[in-house]
Amino acid sequence: MRTLQLLGFIFAIAGFILGYVMLASIDGEASEASAGGAGIGVMFMVLPILGWSALILVPSSVALFNHKVRERTYFRGNFWLNLWKVNLVISFGYIAVVLYFAYIWFKGSIGN
């Protein structure tokens, strides 16, 4: 469980940093080709990294609510518990994004 939590956190940080690096140079004066390239990079590199992070973090973070699971997987100490808290925040962010896109999809398919 500790490996999943650490790996999910690393994927999340790597995805956010890579997304920032790709999109930081895009402004109003950037060419359409560079903006398109950044979009392709986000679509094929950043989103899969964040998707894997979500698939790892959300179930493992929810499983750690059970005290027996934390004890069985040696998930103790300040570092691991603080990592779990940070990953819970990231997991809630992933869930909020999915719920937001589901809301947009339902609103668009049902109509106003």
PDB file of N, CA and C in Angstrom:
ATOM      1  N   MET A   1       0.828  -1.184   0.000  1.00  0.00           N
ATOM      2  CA  MET A   1       0.000   0.000   0.000  1.00  0.00           C
ATOM      3  C   MET A   1       0.878   1.255   0.000  1.00  0.00           C
ATOM      4  N   ARG A   2       1.994   1.170   0.722  1.00  0.00           N
ATOM      5  CA  ARG A   2       2.896   2.323   0.754  1.00  0.00           C
ATOM      6  C   ARG A   2       3.467   2.593  -0.627  1.00  0.00           C
ATOM      7  N   THR A   3       3.766   1.526  -1.369  1.00  0.00           N
ATOM      8  CA  THR A   3       4.299   1.692  -2.717  1.00  0.00           C
ATOM      9  C   THR A   3       3.274   2.352  -3.624  1.00  0.00           C
ATOM     10  N   LEU A   4       2.014   1.926  -3.519  1.00  0.00           N
ATOM     11  CA  LEU A   4       0.961   2.522  -4.349  1.00  0.00           C
ATOM     12  C   LEU A   4       0.771   4.000  -4.029  1.00  0.00           C
ATOM     13  N   GLN A   5       0.769   4.326  -2.749  1.00  0.00           N
ATOM     14  CA  GLN A   5       0.591   5.723  -2.363  1.00  0.00           C
ATOM     15  C   GLN A   5       1.751   6.588  -2.848  1.00  0.00           C
ATOM     16  N   LEU A   6       2.968   6.093  -2.702  1.00  0.00           N
ATOM     17  CA  LEU A   6       4.131   6.858  -3.146  1.00  0.00           C
ATOM     18  C   LEU A   6       4.172   6.975  -4.667  1.00  0.00           C
ATOM     19  N   LEU A   7       3.885   5.887  -5.374  1.00  0.00           N
ATOM     20  CA  LEU A   7       3.889   5.902  -6.829  1.00  0.00           C
ATOM     21  C   LEU A   7       2.794   6.819  -7.382  1.00  0.00           C
ATOM     22  N   GLY A   8       1.607   6.767  -6.796  1.00  0.00           N
ATOM     23  CA  GLY A   8       0.529   7.649  -7.223  1.00  0.00           C
ATOM     24  C   GLY A   8       0.862   9.117  -7.003  1.00  0.00           C
ATOM     25  N   PHE A   9       1.495   9.412  -5.883  1.00  0.00           N
ATOM     26  CA  PHE A   9       1.901  10.790  -5.600  1.00  0.00           C
ATOM     27  C   PHE A   9       2.952  11.261  -6.598  1.00  0.00           C
ATOM     28  N   ILE A  10       3.925  10.408  -6.896  1.00  0.00           N
ATOM     29  CA  ILE A  10       4.970  10.774  -7.864  1.00  0.00           C
ATOM     30  C   ILE A  10       4.363  11.001  -9.245  1.00  0.00           C
ATOM     31  N   PHE A  11       3.429  10.129  -9.659  1.00  0.00           N
ATOM     32  CA  PHE A  11       2.752  10.323 -10.949  1.00  0.00           C
ATOM     33  C   PHE A  11       1.986  11.637 -10.978  1.00  0.00           C
ATOM     34  N   ALA A  12       1.296  11.962  -9.893  1.00  0.00           N
ATOM     35  CA  ALA A  12       0.528  13.207  -9.850  1.00  0.00           C
ATOM     36  C   ALA A  12       1.437  14.421  -9.964  1.00  0.00           C
ATOM     37  N   ILE A  13       2.515  14.440  -9.205  1.00  0.00           N
ATOM     38  CA  ILE A  13       3.453  15.566  -9.262  1.00  0.00           C
ATOM     39  C   ILE A  13       4.101  15.652 -10.633  1.00  0.00           C
ATOM     40  N   ALA A  14       4.502  14.506 -11.195  1.00  0.00           N
ATOM     41  CA  ALA A  14       5.114  14.500 -12.527  1.00  0.00           C
ATOM     42  C   ALA A  14       4.135  14.992 -13.582  1.00  0.00           C
ATOM     43  N   GLY A  15       2.885  14.596 -13.488  1.00  0.00           N
ATOM     44  CA  GLY A  15       1.874  15.043 -14.443  1.00  0.00           C
ATOM     45  C   GLY A  15       1.623  16.537 -14.364  1.00  0.00           C
ATOM     46  N   PHE A  16       1.531  17.065 -13.144  1.00  0.00           N
ATOM     47  CA  PHE A  16       1.306  18.502 -12.989  1.00  0.00           C
ATOM     48  C   PHE A  16       2.506  19.313 -13.487  1.00  0.00           C
ATOM     49  N   ILE A  17       3.703  18.859 -13.172  1.00  0.00           N
ATOM     50  CA  ILE A  17       4.904  19.576 -13.619  1.00  0.00           C
ATOM     51  C   ILE A  17       5.031  19.507 -15.131  1.00  0.00           C
ATOM     52  N   LEU A  18       4.819  18.327 -15.721  1.00  0.00           N
ATOM     53  CA  LEU A  18       4.906  18.181 -17.167  1.00  0.00           C
ATOM     54  C   LEU A  18       3.846  19.031 -17.871  1.00  0.00           C
ATOM     55  N   GLY A  19       2.643  19.063 -17.337  1.00  0.00           N
ATOM     56  CA  GLY A  19       1.598  19.905 -17.912  1.00  0.00           C
ATOM     57  C   GLY A  19       1.953  21.377 -17.843  1.00  0.00           C
ATOM     58  N   TYR A  20       2.521  21.790 -16.717  1.00  0.00           N
ATOM     59  CA  TYR A  20       2.926  23.186 -16.578  1.00  0.00           C
ATOM     60  C   TYR A  20       4.036  23.530 -17.575  1.00  0.00           C
ATOM     61  N   VAL A  21       5.014  22.646 -17.693  1.00  0.00           N
ATOM     62  CA  VAL A  21       6.128  22.907 -18.605  1.00  0.00           C
ATOM     63  C   VAL A  21       5.636  22.986 -20.048  1.00  0.00           C
ATOM     64  N   MET A  22       4.693  22.127 -20.408  1.00  0.00           N
ATOM     65  CA  MET A  22       4.184  22.134 -21.778  1.00  0.00           C
ATOM     66  C   MET A  22       3.338  23.363 -22.085  1.00  0.00           C
ATOM     67  N   LEU A  23       2.571  23.797 -21.118  1.00  0.00           N
ATOM     68  CA  LEU A  23       1.639  24.894 -21.372  1.00  0.00           C
ATOM     69  C   LEU A  23       2.167  26.267 -20.978  1.00  0.00           C
ATOM     70  N   ALA A  24       3.313  26.342 -20.316  1.00  0.00           N
ATOM     71  CA  ALA A  24       3.835  27.625 -19.843  1.00  0.00           C
ATOM     72  C   ALA A  24       4.234  28.541 -20.993  1.00  0.00           C
ATOM     73  N   SER A  25       4.721  27.974 -22.073  1.00  0.00           N
ATOM     74  CA  SER A  25       5.207  28.815 -23.167  1.00  0.00           C
ATOM     75  C   SER A  25       4.097  29.213 -24.144  1.00  0.00           C
ATOM     76  N   ILE A  26       2.881  28.743 -23.936  1.00  0.00           N
ATOM     77  CA  ILE A  26       1.784  29.063 -24.844  1.00  0.00           C
ATOM     78  C   ILE A  26       1.138  30.367 -24.373  1.00  0.00           C
ATOM     79  N   ASP A  27       1.174  31.365 -25.243  1.00  0.00           N
ATOM     80  CA  ASP A  27       0.520  32.636 -24.954  1.00  0.00           C
ATOM     81  C   ASP A  27      -0.135  33.131 -26.235  1.00  0.00           C
ATOM     82  N   GLY A  28      -0.546  34.367 -26.258  1.00  0.00           N
ATOM     83  CA  GLY A  28      -1.231  34.920 -27.418  1.00  0.00           C
ATOM     84  C   GLY A  28      -0.358  35.039 -28.648  1.00  0.00           C
ATOM     85  N   GLU A  29       0.943  35.105 -28.464  1.00  0.00           N
ATOM     86  CA  GLU A  29       1.847  35.264 -29.586  1.00  0.00           C
ATOM     87  C   GLU A  29       2.417  33.936 -30.089  1.00  0.00           C
ATOM     88  N   ALA A  30       2.052  32.829 -29.470  1.00  0.00           N
ATOM     89  CA  ALA A  30       2.568  31.520 -29.893  1.00  0.00           C
ATOM     90  C   ALA A  30       1.893  31.105 -31.198  1.00  0.00           C
ATOM     91  N   SER A  31       2.624  30.368 -31.999  1.00  0.00           N
ATOM     92  CA  SER A  31       2.058  29.906 -33.263  1.00  0.00           C
ATOM     93  C   SER A  31       1.030  28.812 -33.003  1.00  0.00           C
ATOM     94  N   GLU A  32       0.174  28.605 -33.991  1.00  0.00           N
ATOM     95  CA  GLU A  32      -0.841  27.572 -33.850  1.00  0.00           C
ATOM     96  C   GLU A  32      -0.220  26.185 -33.812  1.00  0.00           C
ATOM     97  N   ALA A  33       0.902  26.017 -34.491  1.00  0.00           N
ATOM     98  CA  ALA A  33       1.575  24.712 -34.489  1.00  0.00           C
ATOM     99  C   ALA A  33       2.115  24.375 -33.101  1.00  0.00           C
ATOM    100  N   SER A  34       2.689  25.352 -32.421  1.00  0.00           N
ATOM    101  CA  SER A  34       3.211  25.066 -31.084  1.00  0.00           C
ATOM    102  C   SER A  34       2.067  24.834 -30.091  1.00  0.00           C
ATOM    103  N   ALA A  35       0.977  25.547 -30.243  1.00  0.00           N
ATOM    104  CA  ALA A  35      -0.174  25.323 -29.378  1.00  0.00           C
ATOM    105  C   ALA A  35      -0.781  23.947 -29.639  1.00  0.00           C
ATOM    106  N   GLY A  36      -0.845  23.559 -30.908  1.00  0.00           N
ATOM    107  CA  GLY A  36      -1.341  22.227 -31.230  1.00  0.00           C
ATOM    108  C   GLY A  36      -0.431  21.130 -30.711  1.00  0.00           C
ATOM    109  N   GLY A  37       0.862  21.346 -30.815  1.00  0.00           N
ATOM    110  CA  GLY A  37       1.823  20.383 -30.278  1.00  0.00           C
ATOM    111  C   GLY A  37       1.699  20.245 -28.776  1.00  0.00           C
ATOM    112  N   ALA A  38       1.491  21.355 -28.099  1.00  0.00           N
ATOM    113  CA  ALA A  38       1.300  21.301 -26.646  1.00  0.00           C
ATOM    114  C   ALA A  38       0.013  20.547 -26.312  1.00  0.00           C
ATOM    115  N   GLY A  39      -1.022  20.777 -27.105  1.00  0.00           N
ATOM    116  CA  GLY A  39      -2.280  20.054 -26.883  1.00  0.00           C
ATOM    117  C   GLY A  39      -2.126  18.560 -27.078  1.00  0.00           C
ATOM    118  N   ILE A  40      -1.392  18.164 -28.111  1.00  0.00           N
ATOM    119  CA  ILE A  40      -1.130  16.745 -28.340  1.00  0.00           C
ATOM    120  C   ILE A  40      -0.303  16.161 -27.183  1.00  0.00           C
ATOM    121  N   GLY A  41       0.693  16.925 -26.726  1.00  0.00           N
ATOM    122  CA  GLY A  41       1.504  16.465 -25.598  1.00  0.00           C
ATOM    123  C   GLY A  41       0.673  16.288 -24.340  1.00  0.00           C
ATOM    124  N   VAL A  42      -0.233  17.230 -24.086  1.00  0.00           N
ATOM    125  CA  VAL A  42      -1.098  17.117 -22.918  1.00  0.00           C
ATOM    126  C   VAL A  42      -2.004  15.894 -23.064  1.00  0.00           C
ATOM    127  N   MET A  43      -2.548  15.701 -24.268  1.00  0.00           N
ATOM    128  CA  MET A  43      -3.487  14.612 -24.481  1.00  0.00           C
ATOM    129  C   MET A  43      -2.823  13.239 -24.374  1.00  0.00           C
ATOM    130  N   PHE A  44      -1.617  13.100 -24.889  1.00  0.00           N
ATOM    131  CA  PHE A  44      -0.990  11.782 -24.935  1.00  0.00           C
ATOM    132  C   PHE A  44       0.066  11.542 -23.859  1.00  0.00           C
ATOM    133  N   MET A  45       0.433  12.566 -23.101  1.00  0.00           N
ATOM    134  CA  MET A  45       1.438  12.368 -22.050  1.00  0.00           C
ATOM    135  C   MET A  45       0.898  12.745 -20.671  1.00  0.00           C
ATOM    136  N   VAL A  46       0.353  13.940 -20.535  1.00  0.00           N
ATOM    137  CA  VAL A  46      -0.064  14.427 -19.220  1.00  0.00           C
ATOM    138  C   VAL A  46      -1.326  13.709 -18.745  1.00  0.00           C
ATOM    139  N   LEU A  47      -2.350  13.637 -19.585  1.00  0.00           N
ATOM    140  CA  LEU A  47      -3.599  13.006 -19.154  1.00  0.00           C
ATOM    141  C   LEU A  47      -3.438  11.523 -18.811  1.00  0.00           C
ATOM    142  N   PRO A  48      -2.669  10.744 -19.580  1.00  0.00           N
ATOM    143  CA  PRO A  48      -2.464   9.354 -19.129  1.00  0.00           C
ATOM    144  C   PRO A  48      -1.711   9.238 -17.803  1.00  0.00           C
ATOM    145  N   ILE A  49      -0.741  10.110 -17.581  1.00  0.00           N
ATOM    146  CA  ILE A  49      -0.026  10.076 -16.303  1.00  0.00           C
ATOM    147  C   ILE A  49      -0.984  10.395 -15.157  1.00  0.00           C
ATOM    148  N   LEU A  50      -1.803  11.426 -15.332  1.00  0.00           N
ATOM    149  CA  LEU A  50      -2.762  11.778 -14.284  1.00  0.00           C
ATOM    150  C   LEU A  50      -3.841  10.709 -14.138  1.00  0.00           C
ATOM    151  N   GLY A  51      -4.208  10.061 -15.241  1.00  0.00           N
ATOM    152  CA  GLY A  51      -5.183   8.976 -15.175  1.00  0.00           C
ATOM    153  C   GLY A  51      -4.663   7.789 -14.372  1.00  0.00           C
ATOM    154  N   TRP A  52      -3.408   7.420 -14.613  1.00  0.00           N
ATOM    155  CA  TRP A  52      -2.811   6.335 -13.835  1.00  0.00           C
ATOM    156  C   TRP A  52      -2.703   6.725 -12.367  1.00  0.00           C
ATOM    157  N   SER A  53      -2.370   7.975 -12.134  1.00  0.00           N
ATOM    158  CA  SER A  53      -2.299   8.444 -10.754  1.00  0.00           C
ATOM    159  C   SER A  53      -3.657   8.319 -10.070  1.00  0.00           C
ATOM    160  N   ALA A  54      -4.710   8.699 -10.781  1.00  0.00           N
ATOM    161  CA  ALA A  54      -6.054   8.597 -10.207  1.00  0.00           C
ATOM    162  C   ALA A  54      -6.439   7.146  -9.964  1.00  0.00           C
ATOM    163  N   LEU A  55      -6.111   6.267 -10.909  1.00  0.00           N
ATOM    164  CA  LEU A  55      -6.440   4.845 -10.742  1.00  0.00           C
ATOM    165  C   LEU A  55      -5.683   4.214  -9.580  1.00  0.00           C
ATOM    166  N   ILE A  56      -4.524   4.735  -9.276  1.00  0.00           N
ATOM    167  CA  ILE A  56      -3.746   4.205  -8.156  1.00  0.00           C
ATOM    168  C   ILE A  56      -4.196   4.832  -6.835  1.00  0.00           C
ATOM    169  N   LEU A  57      -4.378   6.149  -6.832  1.00  0.00           N
ATOM    170  CA  LEU A  57      -4.593   6.858  -5.567  1.00  0.00           C
ATOM    171  C   LEU A  57      -5.990   6.710  -4.992  1.00  0.00           C
ATOM    172  N   VAL A  58      -7.011   6.810  -5.823  1.00  0.00           N
ATOM    173  CA  VAL A  58      -8.369   6.837  -5.277  1.00  0.00           C
ATOM    174  C   VAL A  58      -8.704   5.544  -4.532  1.00  0.00           C
ATOM    175  N   PRO A  59      -8.541   4.355  -5.136  1.00  0.00           N
ATOM    176  CA  PRO A  59      -8.891   3.145  -4.366  1.00  0.00           C
ATOM    177  C   PRO A  59      -7.979   2.893  -3.165  1.00  0.00           C
ATOM    178  N   SER A  60      -6.682   3.161  -3.325  1.00  0.00           N
ATOM    179  CA  SER A  60      -5.782   2.893  -2.199  1.00  0.00           C
ATOM    180  C   SER A  60      -6.009   3.891  -1.063  1.00  0.00           C
ATOM    181  N   SER A  61      -6.346   5.130  -1.382  1.00  0.00           N
ATOM    182  CA  SER A  61      -6.622   6.112  -0.327  1.00  0.00           C
ATOM    183  C   SER A  61      -7.904   5.778   0.417  1.00  0.00           C
ATOM    184  N   VAL A  62      -8.904   5.304  -0.305  1.00  0.00           N
ATOM    185  CA  VAL A  62     -10.160   4.911   0.348  1.00  0.00           C
ATOM    186  C   VAL A  62      -9.937   3.677   1.214  1.00  0.00           C
ATOM    187  N   ALA A  63      -9.133   2.735   0.740  1.00  0.00           N
ATOM    188  CA  ALA A  63      -8.870   1.523   1.516  1.00  0.00           C
ATOM    189  C   ALA A  63      -8.148   1.837   2.819  1.00  0.00           C
ATOM    190  N   LEU A  64      -7.352   2.878   2.836  1.00  0.00           N
ATOM    191  CA  LEU A  64      -6.593   3.215   4.041  1.00  0.00           C
ATOM    192  C   LEU A  64      -7.445   3.849   5.139  1.00  0.00           C
ATOM    193  N   PHE A  65      -8.721   4.131   4.863  1.00  0.00           N
ATOM    194  CA  PHE A  65      -9.595   4.608   5.933  1.00  0.00           C
ATOM    195  C   PHE A  65      -9.775   3.535   7.013  1.00  0.00           C
ATOM    196  N   ASN A  66      -9.662   2.274   6.620  1.00  0.00           N
ATOM    197  CA  ASN A  66      -9.793   1.170   7.566  1.00  0.00           C
ATOM    198  C   ASN A  66      -8.495   1.043   8.376  1.00  0.00           C
ATOM    199  N   HIS A  67      -8.638   1.101   9.671  1.00  0.00           N
ATOM    200  CA  HIS A  67      -7.474   1.041  10.557  1.00  0.00           C
ATOM    201  C   HIS A  67      -6.735  -0.290  10.435  1.00  0.00           C
ATOM    202  N   LYS A  68      -7.468  -1.376  10.227  1.00  0.00           N
ATOM    203  CA  LYS A  68      -6.831  -2.693  10.100  1.00  0.00           C
ATOM    204  C   LYS A  68      -5.949  -2.761   8.854  1.00  0.00           C
ATOM    205  N   VAL A  69      -6.383  -2.115   7.778  1.00  0.00           N
ATOM    206  CA  VAL A  69      -5.580  -2.099   6.556  1.00  0.00           C
ATOM    207  C   VAL A  69      -4.301  -1.306   6.791  1.00  0.00           C
ATOM    208  N   ARG A  70      -4.401  -0.181   7.478  1.00  0.00           N
ATOM    209  CA  ARG A  70      -3.204   0.609   7.778  1.00  0.00           C
ATOM    210  C   ARG A  70      -2.231  -0.175   8.643  1.00  0.00           C
ATOM    211  N   GLU A  71      -2.732  -0.922   9.615  1.00  0.00           N
ATOM    212  CA  GLU A  71      -1.850  -1.710  10.474  1.00  0.00           C
ATOM    213  C   GLU A  71      -1.235  -2.880   9.709  1.00  0.00           C
ATOM    214  N   ARG A  72      -2.037  -3.550   8.877  1.00  0.00           N
ATOM    215  CA  ARG A  72      -1.541  -4.719   8.153  1.00  0.00           C
ATOM    216  C   ARG A  72      -0.484  -4.347   7.120  1.00  0.00           C
ATOM    217  N   THR A  73      -0.601  -3.148   6.532  1.00  0.00           N
ATOM    218  CA  THR A  73       0.355  -2.728   5.500  1.00  0.00           C
ATOM    219  C   THR A  73       1.455  -1.833   6.063  1.00  0.00           C
ATOM    220  N   TYR A  74       1.579  -1.780   7.391  1.00  0.00           N
ATOM    221  CA  TYR A  74       2.622  -0.986   8.065  1.00  0.00           C
ATOM    222  C   TYR A  74       2.583   0.481   7.644  1.00  0.00           C
ATOM    223  N   PHE A  75       1.394   1.003   7.500  1.00  0.00           N
ATOM    224  CA  PHE A  75       1.217   2.392   7.101  1.00  0.00           C
ATOM    225  C   PHE A  75       1.143   3.236   8.369  1.00  0.00           C
ATOM    226  N   ARG A  76       2.310   3.459   8.976  1.00  0.00           N
ATOM    227  CA  ARG A  76       2.403   4.191  10.240  1.00  0.00           C
ATOM    228  C   ARG A  76       3.485   5.253  10.121  1.00  0.00           C
ATOM    229  N   GLY A  77       3.487   6.155  11.046  1.00  0.00           N
ATOM    230  CA  GLY A  77       4.510   7.193  11.079  1.00  0.00           C
ATOM    231  C   GLY A  77       4.019   8.479  10.446  1.00  0.00           C
ATOM    232  N   ASN A  78       4.687   9.558  10.804  1.00  0.00           N
ATOM    233  CA  ASN A  78       4.265  10.874  10.320  1.00  0.00           C
ATOM    234  C   ASN A  78       4.362  11.004   8.807  1.00  0.00           C
ATOM    235  N   PHE A  79       5.452  10.507   8.226  1.00  0.00           N
ATOM    236  CA  PHE A  79       5.625  10.649   6.782  1.00  0.00           C
ATOM    237  C   PHE A  79       4.495   9.974   6.023  1.00  0.00           C
ATOM    238  N   TRP A  80       4.204   8.724   6.365  1.00  0.00           N
ATOM    239  CA  TRP A  80       3.198   7.971   5.615  1.00  0.00           C
ATOM    240  C   TRP A  80       1.797   8.520   5.851  1.00  0.00           C
ATOM    241  N   LEU A  81       1.496   8.924   7.062  1.00  0.00           N
ATOM    242  CA  LEU A  81       0.161   9.475   7.317  1.00  0.00           C
ATOM    243  C   LEU A  81      -0.021  10.836   6.645  1.00  0.00           C
ATOM    244  N   ASN A  82       1.031  11.649   6.613  1.00  0.00           N
ATOM    245  CA  ASN A  82       0.937  12.925   5.903  1.00  0.00           C
ATOM    246  C   ASN A  82       0.848  12.722   4.394  1.00  0.00           C
ATOM    247  N   LEU A  83       1.569  11.726   3.879  1.00  0.00           N
ATOM    248  CA  LEU A  83       1.452  11.398   2.459  1.00  0.00           C
ATOM    249  C   LEU A  83       0.037  10.952   2.132  1.00  0.00           C
ATOM    250  N   TRP A  84      -0.560  10.176   3.012  1.00  0.00           N
ATOM    251  CA  TRP A  84      -1.939   9.737   2.813  1.00  0.00           C
ATOM    252  C   TRP A  84      -2.892  10.936   2.808  1.00  0.00           C
ATOM    253  N   LYS A  85      -2.674  11.899   3.687  1.00  0.00           N
ATOM    254  CA  LYS A  85      -3.529  13.087   3.722  1.00  0.00           C
ATOM    255  C   LYS A  85      -3.403  13.901   2.444  1.00  0.00           C
ATOM    256  N   VAL A  86      -2.184  14.065   1.950  1.00  0.00           N
ATOM    257  CA  VAL A  86      -1.977  14.787   0.691  1.00  0.00           C
ATOM    258  C   VAL A  86      -2.639  14.036  -0.459  1.00  0.00           C
ATOM    259  N   ASN A  87      -2.493  12.717  -0.467  1.00  0.00           N
ATOM    260  CA  ASN A  87      -3.097  11.915  -1.519  1.00  0.00           C
ATOM    261  C   ASN A  87      -4.622  11.928  -1.437  1.00  0.00           C
ATOM    262  N   LEU A  88      -5.163  12.057  -0.242  1.00  0.00           N
ATOM    263  CA  LEU A  88      -6.619  12.208  -0.117  1.00  0.00           C
ATOM    264  C   LEU A  88      -7.094  13.487  -0.781  1.00  0.00           C
ATOM    265  N   VAL A  89      -6.354  14.565  -0.596  1.00  0.00           N
ATOM    266  CA  VAL A  89      -6.714  15.832  -1.237  1.00  0.00           C
ATOM    267  C   VAL A  89      -6.640  15.697  -2.758  1.00  0.00           C
ATOM    268  N   ILE A  90      -5.578  15.059  -3.250  1.00  0.00           N
ATOM    269  CA  ILE A  90      -5.442  14.842  -4.686  1.00  0.00           C
ATOM    270  C   ILE A  90      -6.571  13.948  -5.194  1.00  0.00           C
ATOM    271  N   SER A  91      -6.922  12.906  -4.433  1.00  0.00           N
ATOM    272  CA  SER A  91      -8.002  12.001  -4.828  1.00  0.00           C
ATOM    273  C   SER A  91      -9.337  12.730  -4.881  1.00  0.00           C
ATOM    274  N   PHE A  92      -9.606  13.585  -3.899  1.00  0.00           N
ATOM    275  CA  PHE A  92     -10.839  14.364  -3.927  1.00  0.00           C
ATOM    276  C   PHE A  92     -10.865  15.298  -5.131  1.00  0.00           C
ATOM    277  N   GLY A  93      -9.704  15.815  -5.511  1.00  0.00           N
ATOM    278  CA  GLY A  93      -9.627  16.642  -6.719  1.00  0.00           C
ATOM    279  C   GLY A  93      -9.967  15.842  -7.968  1.00  0.00           C
ATOM    280  N   TYR A  94      -9.428  14.618  -8.072  1.00  0.00           N
ATOM    281  CA  TYR A  94      -9.751  13.757  -9.213  1.00  0.00           C
ATOM    282  C   TYR A  94     -11.246  13.446  -9.255  1.00  0.00           C
ATOM    283  N   ILE A  95     -11.815  13.128  -8.101  1.00  0.00           N
ATOM    284  CA  ILE A  95     -13.241  12.812  -8.046  1.00  0.00           C
ATOM    285  C   ILE A  95     -14.071  14.030  -8.411  1.00  0.00           C
ATOM    286  N   ALA A  96     -13.674  15.208  -7.961  1.00  0.00           N
ATOM    287  CA  ALA A  96     -14.402  16.432  -8.297  1.00  0.00           C
ATOM    288  C   ALA A  96     -14.363  16.701  -9.797  1.00  0.00           C
ATOM    289  N   VAL A  97     -13.222  16.475 -10.436  1.00  0.00           N
ATOM    290  CA  VAL A  97     -13.115  16.682 -11.880  1.00  0.00           C
ATOM    291  C   VAL A  97     -14.015  15.710 -12.627  1.00  0.00           C
ATOM    292  N   VAL A  98     -14.026  14.446 -12.210  1.00  0.00           N
ATOM    293  CA  VAL A  98     -14.885  13.451 -12.862  1.00  0.00           C
ATOM    294  C   VAL A  98     -16.354  13.804 -12.674  1.00  0.00           C
ATOM    295  N   LEU A  99     -16.744  14.216 -11.476  1.00  0.00           N
ATOM    296  CA  LEU A  99     -18.133  14.610 -11.243  1.00  0.00           C
ATOM    297  C   LEU A  99     -18.516  15.846 -12.055  1.00  0.00           C
ATOM    298  N   TYR A 100     -17.598  16.783 -12.196  1.00  0.00           N
ATOM    299  CA  TYR A 100     -17.861  17.977 -12.989  1.00  0.00           C
ATOM    300  C   TYR A 100     -18.085  17.623 -14.458  1.00  0.00           C
ATOM    301  N   PHE A 101     -17.214  16.764 -15.012  1.00  0.00           N
ATOM    302  CA  PHE A 101     -17.389  16.356 -16.406  1.00  0.00           C
ATOM    303  C   PHE A 101     -18.661  15.530 -16.589  1.00  0.00           C
ATOM    304  N   ALA A 102     -19.017  14.711 -15.599  1.00  0.00           N
ATOM    305  CA  ALA A 102     -20.281  13.972 -15.677  1.00  0.00           C
ATOM    306  C   ALA A 102     -21.466  14.932 -15.661  1.00  0.00           C
ATOM    307  N   TYR A 103     -21.393  15.965 -14.832  1.00  0.00           N
ATOM    308  CA  TYR A 103     -22.455  16.971 -14.786  1.00  0.00           C
ATOM    309  C   TYR A 103     -22.590  17.683 -16.129  1.00  0.00           C
ATOM    310  N   ILE A 104     -21.461  18.073 -16.724  1.00  0.00           N
ATOM    311  CA  ILE A 104     -21.502  18.736 -18.021  1.00  0.00           C
ATOM    312  C   ILE A 104     -22.085  17.805 -19.081  1.00  0.00           C
ATOM    313  N   TRP A 105     -21.682  16.537 -19.052  1.00  0.00           N
ATOM    314  CA  TRP A 105     -22.174  15.574 -20.036  1.00  0.00           C
ATOM    315  C   TRP A 105     -23.683  15.360 -19.882  1.00  0.00           C
ATOM    316  N   PHE A 106     -24.161  15.181 -18.639  1.00  0.00           N
ATOM    317  CA  PHE A 106     -25.603  15.007 -18.426  1.00  0.00           C
ATOM    318  C   PHE A 106     -26.382  16.243 -18.809  1.00  0.00           C
ATOM    319  N   LYS A 107     -25.865  17.392 -18.465  1.00  0.00           N
ATOM    320  CA  LYS A 107     -26.565  18.642 -18.791  1.00  0.00           C
ATOM    321  C   LYS A 107     -26.625  18.834 -20.299  1.00  0.00           C
ATOM    322  N   GLY A 108     -25.581  18.479 -21.006  1.00  0.00           N
ATOM    323  CA  GLY A 108     -25.568  18.602 -22.451  1.00  0.00           C
ATOM    324  C   GLY A 108     -26.434  17.564 -23.138  1.00  0.00           C
ATOM    325  N   SER A 109     -26.510  16.360 -22.591  1.00  0.00           N
ATOM    326  CA  SER A 109     -27.304  15.320 -23.245  1.00  0.00           C
ATOM    327  C   SER A 109     -28.794  15.466 -22.948  1.00  0.00           C
ATOM    328  N   ILE A 110     -29.129  15.976 -21.769  1.00  0.00           N
ATOM    329  CA  ILE A 110     -30.539  16.167 -21.419  1.00  0.00           C
ATOM    330  C   ILE A 110     -31.050  17.480 -21.976  1.00  0.00           C
ATOM    331  N   GLY A 111     -30.226  18.463 -22.020  1.00  0.00           N
ATOM    332  CA  GLY A 111     -30.625  19.801 -22.477  1.00  0.00           C
ATOM    333  C   GLY A 111     -30.856  20.709 -21.294  1.00  0.00           C
ATOM    334  N   ASN A 112     -31.244  21.935 -21.594  1.00  0.00           N
ATOM    335  CA  ASN A 112     -31.458  22.904 -20.519  1.00  0.00           C
ATOM    336  C   ASN A 112     -32.781  22.694 -19.949  1.00  0.00           C
TER     337      ASN A 112
END
